[in-house]
Structures are given as C-alpha cells and as structure tokens.
Amino acid sequence: MSSAIPVADIFISERELVHIATKHGKELQRLGIDALLYVNSIINNSNEIRKGNTHDTLLFIVKTYPFDKDTVVHCAVVELSIKIEHKKSVYKIKTAYPAIMDRLSKNELVCVKPRS
C-alpha cells in the first residue's frame, strides 16, 4: 500500500457533471445537492482511495460505518483518471456512483483518510 497519490489538479467538465446528474438525478435530489457539490463532497471527504479497474484510475470513496457486523457498508465513489494535458498532470472525472463496499474491497487500497 502506497501512502501517496500523484499530485494534480482536478478538472471537472460540464459533460461529466451532466452525466452524473442524468444518471443519479433522483439520488442527488433526495440529498438536496447538485452534481458538482456531490463530486466535491466525495473528493474532499473521502475515507479511502483505491486503485480503479484500469491502471490510470483512482476511486475516491466515502463509506458509511456499520452499526453492527451484519450491516452492509454503502459508499459513494468518484472515479478519477489521471491524464497529461498541456504537459501537466490533471485528474478528470470518469464517473461517480453509489456502491456497496464489498464490491470495491477487491481493488487495491492506496491510502486511508487521505485528508487527515
């Protein structure tokens, strides 16, 4: 497990926000937030970061904590891919989605509590 992730700016385009709003509009509406706030909240409050399913992606994860050992752990995920643009590294949003933590636990853990 590595303790650091590559430092880069995060580029958020309208296209990705529209995709997230279209695909998860009902969930966002229940939360009372828009797609940009959802993405920012997950990135800024992530409990852990895991490698994505491709070599250039990272999963920023905010997970719930179970009340007991039988409780399913739900999480919110933003998947970022790192790209080189204009000779500079940037993260781009690939997608954002709710998930069950068990499905993500197979992905390699990069770091825990990255903002602490």
C-alpha atoms as a PDB file:
ATOM      1  CA  MET A   1       0.000   0.000   0.000  1.00  0.00           C
ATOM      2  CA  SER A   2       1.349   3.367  -1.037  1.00  0.00           C
ATOM      3  CA  SER A   3       0.910   6.381   1.218  1.00  0.00           C
ATOM      4  CA  ALA A   4       0.706   8.973  -1.541  1.00  0.00           C
ATOM      5  CA  ILE A   5      -1.173   9.590  -4.735  1.00  0.00           C
ATOM      6  CA  PRO A   6       0.085  11.699  -7.623  1.00  0.00           C
ATOM      7  CA  VAL A   7      -0.494  15.404  -7.023  1.00  0.00           C
ATOM      8  CA  ALA A   8      -2.520  17.002  -9.815  1.00  0.00           C
ATOM      9  CA  ASP A   9      -5.326  19.475 -10.360  1.00  0.00           C
ATOM     10  CA  ILE A  10      -8.830  18.066 -10.765  1.00  0.00           C
ATOM     11  CA  PHE A  11     -10.551  19.067 -13.988  1.00  0.00           C
ATOM     12  CA  ILE A  12     -14.348  18.908 -13.847  1.00  0.00           C
ATOM     13  CA  SER A  13     -16.112  19.373 -17.153  1.00  0.00           C
ATOM     14  CA  GLU A  14     -19.757  20.107 -17.806  1.00  0.00           C
ATOM     15  CA  ARG A  15     -20.071  16.814 -19.713  1.00  0.00           C
ATOM     16  CA  GLU A  16     -19.223  14.696 -16.666  1.00  0.00           C
ATOM     17  CA  LEU A  17     -21.493  16.730 -14.408  1.00  0.00           C
ATOM     18  CA  VAL A  18     -24.394  16.344 -16.844  1.00  0.00           C
ATOM     19  CA  HIS A  19     -23.746  12.589 -16.993  1.00  0.00           C
ATOM     20  CA  ILE A  20     -23.759  12.298 -13.185  1.00  0.00           C
ATOM     21  CA  ALA A  21     -26.861  14.485 -12.866  1.00  0.00           C
ATOM     22  CA  THR A  22     -28.694  12.484 -15.538  1.00  0.00           C
ATOM     23  CA  LYS A  23     -27.736   9.071 -14.205  1.00  0.00           C
ATOM     24  CA  HIS A  24     -28.120   9.848 -10.480  1.00  0.00           C
ATOM     25  CA  GLY A  25     -30.558  12.768 -10.506  1.00  0.00           C
ATOM     26  CA  LYS A  26     -33.087  11.124  -8.172  1.00  0.00           C
ATOM     27  CA  GLU A  27     -30.450  10.339  -5.536  1.00  0.00           C
ATOM     28  CA  LEU A  28     -28.986  13.845  -5.785  1.00  0.00           C
ATOM     29  CA  GLN A  29     -32.415  15.412  -5.489  1.00  0.00           C
ATOM     30  CA  ARG A  30     -33.109  13.375  -2.318  1.00  0.00           C
ATOM     31  CA  LEU A  31     -29.804  14.626  -0.900  1.00  0.00           C
ATOM     32  CA  GLY A  32     -30.668  18.187  -1.917  1.00  0.00           C
ATOM     33  CA  ILE A  33     -27.391  18.738  -3.787  1.00  0.00           C
ATOM     34  CA  ASP A  34     -26.235  19.134  -7.362  1.00  0.00           C
ATOM     35  CA  ALA A  35     -23.646  17.027  -9.212  1.00  0.00           C
ATOM     36  CA  LEU A  36     -20.760  19.445  -8.582  1.00  0.00           C
ATOM     37  CA  LEU A  37     -21.373  19.537  -4.824  1.00  0.00           C
ATOM     38  CA  TYR A  38     -21.708  15.733  -4.796  1.00  0.00           C
ATOM     39  CA  VAL A  39     -18.352  15.252  -6.548  1.00  0.00           C
ATOM     40  CA  ASN A  40     -16.578  17.867  -4.406  1.00  0.00           C
ATOM     41  CA  SER A  41     -18.007  16.378  -1.224  1.00  0.00           C
ATOM     42  CA  ILE A  42     -16.790  12.873  -2.041  1.00  0.00           C
ATOM     43  CA  ILE A  43     -13.322  14.005  -3.086  1.00  0.00           C
ATOM     44  CA  ASN A  44     -12.884  16.270  -0.044  1.00  0.00           C
ATOM     45  CA  ASN A  45     -14.312  13.825   2.490  1.00  0.00           C
ATOM     46  CA  SER A  46     -13.056  10.500   1.175  1.00  0.00           C
ATOM     47  CA  ASN A  47     -12.279   7.839   3.783  1.00  0.00           C
ATOM     48  CA  GLU A  48     -10.002   5.947   1.442  1.00  0.00           C
ATOM     49  CA  ILE A  49      -8.611   5.800  -2.063  1.00  0.00           C
ATOM     50  CA  ARG A  50      -8.368   2.574  -4.045  1.00  0.00           C
ATOM     51  CA  LYS A  51      -6.992   1.800  -7.475  1.00  0.00           C
ATOM     52  CA  GLY A  52      -9.635   1.652 -10.182  1.00  0.00           C
ATOM     53  CA  ASN A  53     -10.144  -1.128 -12.679  1.00  0.00           C
ATOM     54  CA  THR A  54      -7.689   0.431 -15.130  1.00  0.00           C
ATOM     55  CA  HIS A  55      -4.073   1.463 -14.486  1.00  0.00           C
ATOM     56  CA  ASP A  56      -4.771   5.201 -14.664  1.00  0.00           C
ATOM     57  CA  THR A  57      -7.821   5.471 -12.393  1.00  0.00           C
ATOM     58  CA  LEU A  58      -8.333   6.033  -8.675  1.00  0.00           C
ATOM     59  CA  LEU A  59     -11.504   5.562  -6.657  1.00  0.00           C
ATOM     60  CA  PHE A  60     -12.179   8.239  -4.039  1.00  0.00           C
ATOM     61  CA  ILE A  61     -14.562   6.626  -1.550  1.00  0.00           C
ATOM     62  CA  VAL A  62     -16.763   7.918   1.249  1.00  0.00           C
ATOM     63  CA  LYS A  63     -18.144   4.957   3.165  1.00  0.00           C
ATOM     64  CA  THR A  64     -20.646   4.563   5.944  1.00  0.00           C
ATOM     65  CA  TYR A  65     -19.692   2.809   9.128  1.00  0.00           C
ATOM     66  CA  PRO A  66     -21.780  -0.205  10.123  1.00  0.00           C
ATOM     67  CA  PHE A  67     -23.754  -0.292  13.331  1.00  0.00           C
ATOM     68  CA  ASP A  68     -23.015  -4.000  13.679  1.00  0.00           C
ATOM     69  CA  LYS A  69     -21.082  -6.683  11.828  1.00  0.00           C
ATOM     70  CA  ASP A  70     -24.121  -7.678   9.732  1.00  0.00           C
ATOM     71  CA  THR A  71     -24.778  -4.185   8.349  1.00  0.00           C
ATOM     72  CA  VAL A  72     -23.951  -3.658   4.675  1.00  0.00           C
ATOM     73  CA  VAL A  73     -21.431  -0.849   4.190  1.00  0.00           C
ATOM     74  CA  HIS A  74     -22.598   1.549   1.494  1.00  0.00           C
ATOM     75  CA  CYS A  75     -20.362   4.124  -0.104  1.00  0.00           C
ATOM     76  CA  ALA A  76     -20.242   6.959  -2.603  1.00  0.00           C
ATOM     77  CA  VAL A  77     -17.472   6.809  -5.199  1.00  0.00           C
ATOM     78  CA  VAL A  78     -15.855   9.262  -7.595  1.00  0.00           C
ATOM     79  CA  GLU A  79     -13.595   7.615 -10.141  1.00  0.00           C
ATOM     80  CA  LEU A  80     -10.840   9.890 -11.402  1.00  0.00           C
ATOM     81  CA  SER A  81      -8.394   9.186 -14.212  1.00  0.00           C
ATOM     82  CA  ILE A  82      -5.043  10.902 -14.365  1.00  0.00           C
ATOM     83  CA  LYS A  83      -4.104  12.386 -17.737  1.00  0.00           C
ATOM     84  CA  ILE A  84      -1.363  14.578 -19.142  1.00  0.00           C
ATOM     85  CA  GLU A  85      -2.723  17.767 -20.711  1.00  0.00           C
ATOM     86  CA  HIS A  86      -0.545  20.631 -21.900  1.00  0.00           C
ATOM     87  CA  LYS A  87       2.468  18.947 -20.243  1.00  0.00           C
ATOM     88  CA  LYS A  88       0.690  18.949 -16.883  1.00  0.00           C
ATOM     89  CA  SER A  89      -0.909  16.090 -14.932  1.00  0.00           C
ATOM     90  CA  VAL A  90      -4.629  16.510 -14.256  1.00  0.00           C
ATOM     91  CA  TYR A  91      -7.352  14.312 -12.813  1.00  0.00           C
ATOM     92  CA  LYS A  92     -10.523  14.014 -14.842  1.00  0.00           C
ATOM     93  CA  ILE A  93     -13.791  12.637 -13.579  1.00  0.00           C
ATOM     94  CA  LYS A  94     -14.568   9.318 -15.186  1.00  0.00           C
ATOM     95  CA  THR A  95     -17.769   8.688 -13.239  1.00  0.00           C
ATOM     96  CA  ALA A  96     -19.429   8.866  -9.819  1.00  0.00           C
ATOM     97  CA  TYR A  97     -21.772   6.333  -8.309  1.00  0.00           C
ATOM     98  CA  PRO A  98     -23.138   4.758  -5.134  1.00  0.00           C
ATOM     99  CA  ALA A  99     -21.805   1.272  -4.344  1.00  0.00           C
ATOM    100  CA  ILE A 100     -21.600  -1.478  -1.765  1.00  0.00           C
ATOM    101  CA  MET A 101     -18.146  -1.534  -0.186  1.00  0.00           C
ATOM    102  CA  ASP A 102     -17.761  -5.316  -0.514  1.00  0.00           C
ATOM    103  CA  ARG A 103     -17.651  -4.895  -4.299  1.00  0.00           C
ATOM    104  CA  LEU A 104     -14.773  -2.417  -4.046  1.00  0.00           C
ATOM    105  CA  SER A 105     -12.709  -4.255  -1.454  1.00  0.00           C
ATOM    106  CA  LYS A 106     -11.004  -6.300  -4.200  1.00  0.00           C
ATOM    107  CA  ASN A 107      -9.467  -3.096  -5.576  1.00  0.00           C
ATOM    108  CA  GLU A 108      -6.011  -2.364  -4.166  1.00  0.00           C
ATOM    109  CA  LEU A 109      -6.015   0.091  -1.272  1.00  0.00           C
ATOM    110  CA  VAL A 110      -3.839   3.155  -1.980  1.00  0.00           C
ATOM    111  CA  CYS A 111      -4.382   5.176   1.205  1.00  0.00           C
ATOM    112  CA  VAL A 112      -6.769   5.634   4.132  1.00  0.00           C
ATOM    113  CA  LYS A 113      -8.093   9.010   5.306  1.00  0.00           C
ATOM    114  CA  PRO A 114      -6.191  10.989   2.658  1.00  0.00           C
ATOM    115  CA  ARG A 115      -7.332  14.378   4.028  1.00  0.00           C
ATOM    116  CA  SER A 116      -6.313  13.849   7.652  1.00  0.00           C
END
